[in-house]
């Protein structure tokens, strides 16, 4: 049994020009709708670092809040109520 490997080029080659143009137009619209495509690489890097800094700050706050005595007691009470003992 012979298997023919059809490439994407073969598929596009068999399409009528109007279908191919419509497909490319749809692809371009999809690319244009992606967030951040209007930003330069440097701007994207700056945003990435900003988001990473926010994540670090929020993670530190969550860790800090989880260690508060009020929350520690609540987690202990919840575990006991559910039959889960530490």
Protein backbone atom coordinates (compact mmCIF):
# COMPACT_ATOMS: atom_id res chain seq x y z
CA UNK A 1 0.00 0.00 0.00
CA UNK A 2 1.50 3.30 -1.09
CA UNK A 3 1.03 6.34 1.11
CA UNK A 4 1.31 9.73 -0.52
CA UNK A 5 2.52 12.48 1.78
CA UNK A 6 0.48 15.53 0.93
CA UNK A 7 2.01 18.76 2.11
CA UNK A 8 0.14 21.91 2.97
CA UNK A 9 1.55 23.35 -0.25
CA UNK A 10 -0.23 20.61 -2.23
CA UNK A 11 -3.49 21.43 -0.47
CA UNK A 12 -3.15 25.16 -1.16
CA UNK A 13 -2.08 24.49 -4.72
CA UNK A 14 -5.34 22.65 -5.42
CA UNK A 15 -7.52 25.52 -4.18
CA UNK A 16 -9.00 28.09 -6.53
CA UNK A 17 -7.37 31.50 -6.23
CA UNK A 18 -10.44 33.10 -4.64
CA UNK A 19 -10.53 30.44 -1.91
CA UNK A 20 -6.83 30.85 -1.30
CA UNK A 21 -7.17 34.64 -1.03
CA UNK A 22 -10.08 34.25 1.39
CA UNK A 23 -8.03 31.81 3.48
CA UNK A 24 -5.06 34.20 3.62
CA UNK A 25 -7.37 37.08 4.54
CA UNK A 26 -8.82 35.05 7.41
CA UNK A 27 -5.30 34.12 8.58
CA UNK A 28 -4.24 37.77 8.53
CA UNK A 29 -7.33 38.77 10.53
CA UNK A 30 -6.53 36.09 13.10
CA UNK A 31 -2.95 37.31 13.39
CA UNK A 32 -4.09 40.93 13.72
CA UNK A 33 -6.44 39.98 16.57
CA UNK A 34 -3.67 38.46 18.67
CA UNK A 35 -2.93 40.59 21.73
CA UNK A 36 0.41 42.35 21.66
CA UNK A 37 0.99 42.21 17.92
CA UNK A 38 0.87 46.00 17.83
CA UNK A 39 3.78 46.18 20.31
CA UNK A 40 7.48 46.05 19.56
CA UNK A 41 9.64 43.29 21.00
CA UNK A 42 11.04 45.71 23.58
CA UNK A 43 7.52 46.74 24.64
CA UNK A 44 6.48 43.09 24.93
CA UNK A 45 9.56 42.36 27.05
CA UNK A 46 8.78 45.34 29.31
CA UNK A 47 5.19 44.11 29.78
CA UNK A 48 6.42 40.60 30.50
CA UNK A 49 8.76 41.87 33.21
CA UNK A 50 5.97 44.02 34.65
CA UNK A 51 3.61 41.03 34.82
CA UNK A 52 6.33 38.84 36.34
CA UNK A 53 6.97 41.48 39.02
CA UNK A 54 3.23 41.66 39.77
CA UNK A 55 3.10 37.87 40.05
CA UNK A 56 6.02 37.84 42.50
CA UNK A 57 4.42 40.55 44.65
CA UNK A 58 1.04 38.80 44.68
CA UNK A 59 2.62 35.43 45.45
CA UNK A 60 4.53 36.97 48.36
CA UNK A 61 1.33 38.56 49.69
CA UNK A 62 -0.55 35.27 49.44
CA UNK A 63 2.23 33.50 51.34
CA UNK A 64 2.22 36.27 53.95
CA UNK A 65 -1.57 36.12 54.37
CA UNK A 66 -1.57 32.32 54.61
CA UNK A 67 0.77 32.58 57.58
CA UNK A 68 -1.47 34.95 59.54
CA UNK A 69 -2.64 33.39 62.82
CA UNK A 70 -6.30 33.99 61.94
CA UNK A 71 -5.98 32.01 58.74
CA UNK A 72 -3.83 29.33 60.35
CA UNK A 73 -6.57 28.73 62.92
CA UNK A 74 -9.23 28.63 60.21
CA UNK A 75 -7.32 26.03 58.18
CA UNK A 76 -6.86 23.93 61.32
CA UNK A 77 -10.58 24.20 62.17
CA UNK A 78 -11.59 23.31 58.60
CA UNK A 79 -9.29 20.29 58.60
CA UNK A 80 -10.75 19.06 61.89
CA UNK A 81 -14.32 19.58 60.63
CA UNK A 82 -13.56 17.50 57.55
CA UNK A 83 -11.93 14.73 59.55
CA UNK A 84 -8.50 15.64 58.24
CA UNK A 85 -5.90 16.03 60.95
CA UNK A 86 -2.45 17.41 60.27
